[in-house]
């Protein structure tokens, strides 16, 4: 696909919210709004993406990883690993959020949020006690005449899983992360899920445990802090942190991510105030068409560069107890600096120059990271 078309769609839309690029036309909801039965339906129409995409074909056959999960002889650890591996695949993904409570005088619920996209999840690394999964959006667009174009591929978020991990970096608000050490007893039999932004910068890390009962495999986290998601920071300025618990549950044909979030305002003198609470349901349904394997093809060209990015972040974690991230450098977000370089690699016929890629990755990240006094974690 032409680079100018990719840049036209990618950067402006990514700055708003990545997951809204492929969505159905909005439909008027008949009846009451879930969680708000006495609110006018016309006032609670979902906000979110409305770009049209190609139709998908759902894959109704259980995955091989799901089948292995049903083996009674497998150990709990083996089932944990199979459950994590079962998260990989090609999916139609829906993002559904509704604010269920508010705690201010005269509170009125905001519009619910809904969007969907087509997303490929591939295994980046599979080692003892560690699995890394890379999400990529693979989008097919429709214009006003119904003509389709694509696929357009954009690197999305990443999730790393570590078994009995005692060394965490947790979010502390104000774009700051700090090291947190757990004892072996606190993490015995548990997995940390570390979630990274689209540019491989940190988002959050949290401990949780898998359960496998009655044929259902589910992972539930502890409560943790997270930065505002893109669907919120472009429209809300009354809170700064999402605090909540989330749960991943496998189905024969995909998985479901449920969130129970509180919206926390960070105030002066280290105080915090909860302004609202929301329920989120993100549904990953495996598809057989269209093909989303263009994600893996794109990563073959830019993967060396993103590996350098990940290694730089590993060094930052190892060397610093606390660090913060600048919002912009030279008028651009961090993802814009990285994505521009990665798109050049994906559009080039020349072999990847590892020396140049390493230098660009390290210099770019260094300009955004603040350590020392600037990276001192706030107390809340």
Protein backbone atom coordinates (compact mmCIF):
# COMPACT_ATOMS: atom_id res chain seq x y z
CA UNK A 1 0.00 0.00 0.00
CA UNK A 2 1.31 3.49 -0.86
CA UNK A 3 3.14 5.25 1.96
CA UNK A 4 1.23 8.52 1.43
CA UNK A 5 -2.09 6.72 1.95
CA UNK A 6 -0.78 5.04 5.10
CA UNK A 7 0.43 8.34 6.54
CA UNK A 8 -2.85 10.06 5.62
CA UNK A 9 -4.89 7.54 7.64
CA UNK A 10 -2.44 6.45 10.32
CA UNK A 11 -1.07 9.41 12.22
CA UNK A 12 -4.19 11.63 12.48
CA UNK A 13 -6.43 8.74 13.49
CA UNK A 14 -3.87 7.19 15.81
CA UNK A 15 -3.71 10.46 17.75
CA UNK A 16 -7.44 10.18 18.48
CA UNK A 17 -7.93 6.49 19.21
CA UNK A 18 -6.43 3.60 17.33
CA UNK A 19 -9.32 1.21 17.84
CA UNK A 20 -11.87 3.36 15.99
CA UNK A 21 -10.54 2.94 12.49
CA UNK A 22 -12.85 0.15 11.35
CA UNK A 23 -16.39 0.40 12.64
CA UNK A 24 -19.99 -0.17 11.70
CA UNK A 25 -22.35 2.68 10.95
CA UNK A 26 -24.00 3.95 14.11
CA UNK A 27 -27.41 2.45 14.73
CA UNK A 28 -30.23 3.87 16.79
CA UNK A 29 -30.78 1.75 19.89
CA UNK A 30 -34.34 0.75 20.60
CA UNK A 31 -35.35 0.29 24.22
CA UNK A 32 -33.43 1.36 27.30
CA UNK A 33 -29.68 1.90 27.54
CA UNK A 34 -27.85 -0.82 29.48
CA UNK A 35 -27.14 0.38 33.05
CA UNK A 36 -29.20 3.56 32.53
CA UNK A 37 -32.79 2.34 31.88
CA UNK A 38 -34.48 5.69 32.62
CA UNK A 39 -32.17 7.88 30.53
CA UNK A 40 -33.24 9.08 27.09
CA UNK A 41 -31.87 6.70 24.48
CA UNK A 42 -31.22 9.62 22.12
CA UNK A 43 -28.82 11.14 24.68
CA UNK A 44 -26.87 7.92 25.16
CA UNK A 45 -25.92 6.99 21.61
CA UNK A 46 -22.37 5.59 21.67
CA UNK A 47 -19.49 7.78 20.61
CA UNK A 48 -16.56 6.20 18.80
CA UNK A 49 -15.45 5.26 15.31
CA UNK A 50 -17.73 5.32 12.29
CA UNK A 51 -15.35 4.49 9.44
CA UNK A 52 -16.68 1.55 7.45
CA UNK A 53 -14.64 -1.59 6.94
CA UNK A 54 -14.98 -4.83 5.04
CA UNK A 55 -17.21 -7.57 6.41
CA UNK A 56 -15.57 -10.35 8.39
CA UNK A 57 -16.11 -14.11 8.53
CA UNK A 58 -16.14 -15.51 12.05
CA UNK A 59 -14.17 -18.70 12.70
CA UNK A 60 -16.44 -20.97 14.74
CA UNK A 61 -13.94 -23.80 15.25
CA UNK A 62 -12.22 -24.07 18.67
CA UNK A 63 -8.52 -23.21 18.58
CA UNK A 64 -5.83 -25.82 19.21
CA UNK A 65 -4.76 -23.94 22.36
CA UNK A 66 -8.33 -24.11 23.66
CA UNK A 67 -8.43 -27.85 23.02
CA UNK A 68 -5.21 -28.33 24.98
CA UNK A 69 -6.73 -26.39 27.87
CA UNK A 70 -9.40 -29.05 28.18
CA UNK A 71 -6.87 -31.85 28.83
CA UNK A 72 -7.39 -33.00 32.40
CA UNK A 73 -3.85 -34.35 32.76
CA UNK A 74 -2.14 -30.99 32.17
CA UNK A 75 -0.57 -29.19 35.14
CA UNK A 76 -1.85 -25.79 36.22
CA UNK A 77 1.33 -24.19 34.89
CA UNK A 78 0.88 -25.88 31.49
CA UNK A 79 -2.72 -24.68 31.39
CA UNK A 80 -1.59 -21.16 32.23
CA UNK A 81 0.83 -21.19 29.29
CA UNK A 82 -1.77 -22.65 26.92
CA UNK A 83 -4.25 -19.99 28.01
CA UNK A 84 -1.78 -17.19 27.28
CA UNK A 85 -0.87 -18.72 23.91
CA UNK A 86 -4.59 -18.96 23.10
CA UNK A 87 -4.75 -15.15 23.11
CA UNK A 88 -2.89 -15.15 19.77
CA UNK A 89 -4.80 -15.13 16.47
CA UNK A 90 -6.78 -12.92 14.09
CA UNK A 91 -9.82 -11.23 15.57
CA UNK A 92 -12.73 -8.91 15.21
CA UNK A 93 -12.35 -6.82 18.36
CA UNK A 94 -15.06 -4.69 19.95
CA UNK A 95 -14.47 -2.04 22.61
CA UNK A 96 -17.54 -1.32 24.75
CA UNK A 97 -17.54 1.02 27.79
CA UNK A 98 -20.30 2.56 29.88
CA UNK A 99 -19.91 4.76 32.95
CA UNK A 100 -22.08 3.19 35.63
CA UNK A 101 -21.66 5.67 38.51
CA UNK A 102 -20.74 9.31 39.10
CA UNK A 103 -19.92 11.08 42.36
CA UNK A 104 -20.35 14.78 41.62
CA UNK A 105 -23.38 16.96 42.29
CA UNK A 106 -25.79 16.99 39.35
CA UNK A 107 -24.02 14.05 37.72
CA UNK A 108 -25.23 12.95 34.31
CA UNK A 109 -23.72 9.90 32.60
CA UNK A 110 -21.54 10.61 29.56
CA UNK A 111 -22.19 8.85 26.27
CA UNK A 112 -21.12 5.21 26.23
CA UNK A 113 -18.19 4.33 24.02
CA UNK A 114 -18.19 1.73 21.24
CA UNK A 115 -15.86 0.89 18.38
CA UNK A 116 -14.51 -2.18 16.66
CA UNK A 117 -11.57 -3.18 14.51
CA UNK A 118 -9.77 -6.13 12.99
CA UNK A 119 -6.64 -7.06 14.93
CA UNK A 120 -3.92 -9.66 14.67
CA UNK A 121 -2.13 -10.95 17.78
CA UNK A 122 1.16 -12.78 17.19
CA UNK A 123 3.68 -14.44 19.47
CA UNK A 124 6.86 -12.37 19.60
CA UNK A 125 8.63 -14.53 22.16
CA UNK A 126 7.91 -17.83 23.91
CA UNK A 127 10.41 -18.89 26.57
CA UNK A 128 10.36 -20.55 29.95
CA UNK A 129 8.14 -18.44 32.25
CA UNK A 130 7.73 -15.72 29.62
CA UNK A 131 5.41 -15.00 26.67
CA UNK A 132 5.28 -11.79 24.61
CA UNK A 133 2.30 -11.01 22.36
CA UNK A 134 2.22 -8.19 19.78
CA UNK A 135 -1.13 -6.72 18.71
CA UNK A 136 -1.44 -5.11 15.25
CA UNK A 137 -4.41 -3.41 13.65
CA UNK A 138 -4.98 -4.58 10.07
CA UNK A 139 -7.57 -2.38 8.43
CA UNK A 140 -9.57 -2.55 5.22
CA UNK A 141 -11.44 0.68 4.40
CA UNK A 142 -14.54 1.41 2.36
CA UNK A 143 -15.05 4.75 0.64
CA UNK A 144 -18.42 6.39 -0.07
CA UNK A 145 -18.77 4.36 -3.28
CA UNK A 146 -18.17 1.09 -1.46
CA UNK A 147 -14.70 0.60 -2.94
CA UNK A 148 -12.35 -1.21 -0.57
CA UNK A 149 -8.69 -0.43 0.07
CA UNK A 150 -6.09 -2.04 2.28
CA UNK A 151 -4.76 -3.73 4.17
CA UNK A 152 -3.27 -0.93 6.21
CA UNK A 153 -1.20 -2.21 9.13
CA UNK A 154 -0.49 -0.32 12.34
CA UNK A 155 1.41 -1.60 15.32
CA UNK A 156 -0.91 -1.61 18.34
CA UNK A 157 -0.27 -2.51 21.99
CA UNK A 158 1.89 -5.31 23.38
CA UNK A 159 1.43 -7.58 26.39
CA UNK A 160 4.23 -9.47 28.15
CA UNK A 161 3.53 -12.28 30.61
CA UNK A 162 6.04 -13.32 33.31
CA UNK A 163 5.66 -16.16 35.79
CA UNK A 164 6.37 -15.46 39.48
CA UNK A 165 7.85 -12.07 38.62
CA UNK A 166 9.14 -10.13 41.64
CA UNK A 167 10.42 -7.03 39.78
CA UNK A 168 7.62 -4.71 38.63
CA UNK A 169 7.41 -1.15 37.33
CA UNK A 170 4.03 0.27 38.28
CA UNK A 171 2.27 3.45 37.21
CA UNK A 172 2.20 6.27 39.80
CA UNK A 173 0.36 9.01 37.91
CA UNK A 174 1.71 12.11 36.14
CA UNK A 175 3.40 10.01 33.42
CA UNK A 176 5.65 8.42 36.06
CA UNK A 177 6.57 4.78 36.71
CA UNK A 178 8.45 3.37 39.71
CA UNK A 179 10.04 0.05 40.57
CA UNK A 180 8.09 -2.19 42.95
CA UNK A 181 9.59 -5.34 44.42
CA UNK A 182 7.44 -8.28 45.54
CA UNK A 183 8.51 -11.20 47.70
CA UNK A 184 8.52 -14.68 46.14
CA UNK A 185 5.60 -15.66 48.39
CA UNK A 186 3.49 -12.78 47.04
CA UNK A 187 3.79 -13.94 43.43
CA UNK A 188 3.96 -17.73 43.85
CA UNK A 189 1.93 -19.39 41.10
CA UNK A 190 0.96 -15.99 39.62
CA UNK A 191 1.68 -14.13 36.40
CA UNK A 192 2.34 -10.46 35.79
CA UNK A 193 0.81 -8.92 32.71
CA UNK A 194 2.77 -5.90 31.47
CA UNK A 195 0.98 -3.75 28.90
CA UNK A 196 2.89 -1.40 26.60
CA UNK A 197 1.73 1.50 24.46
CA UNK A 198 1.78 1.36 20.66
CA UNK A 199 5.35 2.73 20.71
CA UNK A 200 6.50 0.14 23.31
CA UNK A 201 6.67 2.72 26.10
CA UNK A 202 5.19 1.49 29.41
CA UNK A 203 1.51 1.58 30.26
CA UNK A 204 0.95 -0.61 33.32
CA UNK A 205 2.08 -3.80 35.02
CA UNK A 206 -0.03 -5.88 37.39
CA UNK A 207 0.02 -9.24 39.17
CA UNK A 208 -2.80 -11.74 38.76
CA UNK A 209 -3.60 -15.43 38.77
CA UNK A 210 -5.06 -17.90 36.29
CA UNK A 211 -7.86 -20.25 37.29
CA UNK A 212 -9.03 -23.29 35.33
CA UNK A 213 -12.33 -24.59 36.66
CA UNK A 214 -15.30 -26.16 34.95
CA UNK A 215 -13.68 -25.88 31.54
CA UNK A 216 -13.23 -22.10 31.91
CA UNK A 217 -9.78 -20.47 31.98
CA UNK A 218 -9.64 -16.95 33.37
CA UNK A 219 -6.98 -14.54 34.64
CA UNK A 220 -7.89 -11.84 37.17
CA UNK A 221 -5.63 -8.96 38.13
CA UNK A 222 -5.06 -7.13 41.35
CA UNK A 223 -6.20 -3.50 41.42
CA UNK A 224 -3.73 -1.22 39.68
CA UNK A 225 -3.28 2.27 38.28
CA UNK A 226 -3.20 2.96 34.54
CA UNK A 227 -2.81 6.10 32.43
CA UNK A 228 -5.91 7.40 30.66
CA UNK A 229 -6.66 5.50 27.44
CA UNK A 230 -6.85 7.35 24.13
CA UNK A 231 -10.64 7.07 24.09
CA UNK A 232 -10.70 9.26 27.21
CA UNK A 233 -7.81 11.73 27.28
CA UNK A 234 -9.03 13.41 24.09
CA UNK A 235 -12.43 14.21 25.66
CA UNK A 236 -11.91 14.24 29.45
CA UNK A 237 -9.79 16.47 31.67
CA UNK A 238 -11.49 15.91 35.06
CA UNK A 239 -9.40 12.89 36.07
CA UNK A 240 -5.87 11.58 35.50
CA UNK A 241 -5.78 7.86 36.42
CA UNK A 242 -7.79 4.71 35.79
CA UNK A 243 -7.78 2.51 38.88
CA UNK A 244 -9.27 -0.93 38.60
CA UNK A 245 -9.32 -4.67 38.16
CA UNK A 246 -9.46 -6.45 34.85
CA UNK A 247 -10.13 -10.02 33.84
CA UNK A 248 -9.33 -12.08 30.72
CA UNK A 249 -11.43 -15.16 29.99
CA UNK A 250 -10.92 -17.65 27.17
CA UNK A 251 -13.77 -18.91 24.99
CA UNK A 252 -13.55 -21.68 22.36
CA UNK A 253 -13.36 -19.04 19.60
CA UNK A 254 -11.60 -16.13 21.27
CA UNK A 255 -11.43 -14.26 24.55
CA UNK A 256 -13.14 -11.51 26.51
CA UNK A 257 -11.47 -8.70 28.46
CA UNK A 258 -13.64 -7.22 31.23
CA UNK A 259 -12.66 -4.07 33.14
CA UNK A 260 -14.05 -2.53 36.33
CA UNK A 261 -12.49 0.94 36.45
CA UNK A 262 -12.65 3.91 38.78
CA UNK A 263 -11.73 7.33 37.38
CA UNK A 264 -9.37 9.07 39.80
CA UNK A 265 -8.57 12.77 39.97
CA UNK A 266 -5.15 13.53 41.48
CA UNK A 267 -5.42 16.67 43.59
CA UNK A 268 -3.05 18.88 45.57
CA UNK A 269 -1.25 17.67 48.69
CA UNK A 270 -1.22 14.06 47.47
CA UNK A 271 -4.97 13.59 47.72
CA UNK A 272 -7.12 11.67 45.26
CA UNK A 273 -10.82 11.84 44.43
CA UNK A 274 -12.93 9.30 42.54
CA UNK A 275 -15.15 11.04 39.98
CA UNK A 276 -16.78 8.03 38.32
CA UNK A 277 -16.82 4.31 37.69
CA UNK A 278 -17.11 2.39 34.44
CA UNK A 279 -17.61 -1.11 33.08
CA UNK A 280 -15.72 -2.20 29.97
CA UNK A 281 -16.17 -5.31 27.83
CA UNK A 282 -13.66 -5.90 25.03
CA UNK A 283 -14.53 -8.95 22.94
CA UNK A 284 -12.01 -10.78 20.72
CA UNK A 285 -13.77 -13.03 18.18
CA UNK A 286 -11.57 -15.14 15.93
CA UNK A 287 -12.04 -14.60 12.18
CA UNK A 288 -11.08 -16.57 9.07
CA UNK A 289 -11.48 -13.66 6.63
CA UNK A 290 -10.18 -11.20 5.67
CA UNK A 291 -6.59 -12.29 6.16
CA UNK A 292 -4.69 -10.23 8.74
CA UNK A 293 -1.30 -11.83 8.10
CA UNK A 294 -0.06 -8.56 6.59
CA UNK A 295 0.76 -7.69 10.21
CA UNK A 296 3.43 -10.37 10.33
CA UNK A 297 4.80 -9.34 6.93
CA UNK A 298 5.17 -5.72 8.08
CA UNK A 299 6.96 -6.80 11.23
CA UNK A 300 9.51 -8.74 9.18
CA UNK A 301 10.77 -5.38 7.87
CA UNK A 302 10.45 -3.21 10.97
CA UNK A 303 10.83 -5.90 13.64
CA UNK A 304 14.58 -5.34 14.06
CA UNK A 305 13.96 -1.70 14.88
CA UNK A 306 11.20 -2.46 17.39
CA UNK A 307 13.50 -4.99 19.06
CA UNK A 308 16.02 -2.18 19.61
CA UNK A 309 13.20 -0.09 21.12
CA UNK A 310 12.29 -2.90 23.51
CA UNK A 311 15.91 -3.42 24.53
CA UNK A 312 16.31 0.28 25.30
CA UNK A 313 13.27 0.16 27.56
CA UNK A 314 14.66 -2.92 29.33
CA UNK A 315 17.80 -0.92 30.14
CA UNK A 316 15.74 1.98 31.47
CA UNK A 317 13.82 -0.40 33.76
CA UNK A 318 17.05 -1.98 35.01
CA UNK A 319 18.89 1.31 35.70
CA UNK A 320 16.18 3.51 37.20
CA UNK A 321 13.99 3.22 40.27
CA UNK A 322 11.71 5.93 38.89
CA UNK A 323 11.33 7.65 35.54
CA UNK A 324 8.85 9.93 33.77
CA UNK A 325 7.95 10.55 30.14
CA UNK A 326 7.65 13.88 28.36
CA UNK A 327 4.46 14.40 26.40
CA UNK A 328 6.17 15.78 23.28
CA UNK A 329 9.60 16.49 21.81
CA UNK A 330 9.96 18.79 18.79
CA UNK A 331 6.18 19.05 18.63
CA UNK A 332 5.66 15.29 18.18
CA UNK A 333 4.52 12.43 20.40
CA UNK A 334 6.88 9.52 21.00
CA UNK A 335 4.85 7.19 18.79
CA UNK A 336 5.10 9.67 15.90
CA UNK A 337 8.91 9.62 16.00
CA UNK A 338 8.96 5.81 16.10
CA UNK A 339 6.20 5.23 13.56
CA UNK A 340 7.73 7.57 11.01
CA UNK A 341 11.01 5.63 11.12
CA UNK A 342 9.28 2.22 11.07
CA UNK A 343 7.16 3.20 8.05
CA UNK A 344 10.30 4.14 6.15
CA UNK A 345 11.68 0.67 6.86
CA UNK A 346 8.47 -1.05 5.77
CA UNK A 347 8.40 0.92 2.52
CA UNK A 348 12.07 0.43 1.68
CA UNK A 349 13.62 -2.25 -0.50
CA UNK A 350 16.97 -1.85 1.25
CA UNK A 351 18.00 -4.28 4.00
CA UNK A 352 17.60 -3.06 7.57
CA UNK A 353 20.65 -1.18 8.88
CA UNK A 354 20.88 -2.38 12.49
CA UNK A 355 23.43 0.26 13.49
CA UNK A 356 21.28 3.16 12.29
CA UNK A 357 18.13 1.62 13.73
CA UNK A 358 19.71 1.13 17.13
CA UNK A 359 21.00 4.71 17.18
CA UNK A 360 17.62 6.15 16.23
CA UNK A 361 15.73 4.07 18.79
CA UNK A 362 18.05 4.96 21.67
CA UNK A 363 18.35 8.65 20.84
CA UNK A 364 14.57 9.02 20.40
CA UNK A 365 13.67 7.38 23.70
CA UNK A 366 16.44 9.21 25.60
CA UNK A 367 14.93 12.55 24.60
CA UNK A 368 11.58 11.61 26.15
CA UNK A 369 12.69 9.95 29.39
CA UNK A 370 13.32 12.00 32.53
CA UNK A 371 15.08 10.44 35.52
CA UNK A 372 16.39 11.70 38.84
CA UNK A 373 14.53 14.61 40.43
CA UNK A 374 12.37 15.06 37.34
CA UNK A 375 11.30 11.44 37.56
CA UNK A 376 10.50 11.41 41.29
CA UNK A 377 7.28 9.51 41.87
CA UNK A 378 4.41 11.60 43.28
CA UNK A 379 2.92 10.40 46.57
CA UNK A 380 -0.75 9.41 46.47
